[in-house]
Amino acid sequence: TFTEEVNNIEPDSTHIGIKPGETLTMKDCAYAILLASANEVSSGVAEYIGGTVPAFVDSMNERAAQLGCENTHFVNANGLYHEDHYTTARDLALISREAFQNETFREIIKTPYYIVPTTNITPETRWL
């Protein structure tokens, strides 16, 4: 279930219109993030998994270091610009190599479109 955190994204950033109190499955969230670059979903998932977005971002930085990334520092969960948010092509290659080990990730990124079903708040389906 998404909290008010869904409203804490850049005003003109990509989103799918999630509302506070709305519930999506993690599967639907993964498709929304990877196919539609749904920034509010990225933040909501980060809050759900990490307890807070900053705590999740800390875990992203820890995981990047474990993968051997030497010039990466994440500041947010959605990848939107921040002056202290940076990475390199080499580090992204390391992160990508790890992501491709995940069967679900591979399945999602080869999907041309996805339909998010109706939710407890939104009676229409969302096409991604």
Foldseek 3Di string as FASTA:
>chain_A
DFACLLVVDPPPDWAQDDDHPWDADVLVLVLCCQVGLHQSSQQRVCCVVQVHQQSSQVVVVVVLVVLVFDWAHDDGRRPDDDPVGDGDPVSVVSVVVVQVVDPSSVVSNVDPKDWGAAIPPRNDITID
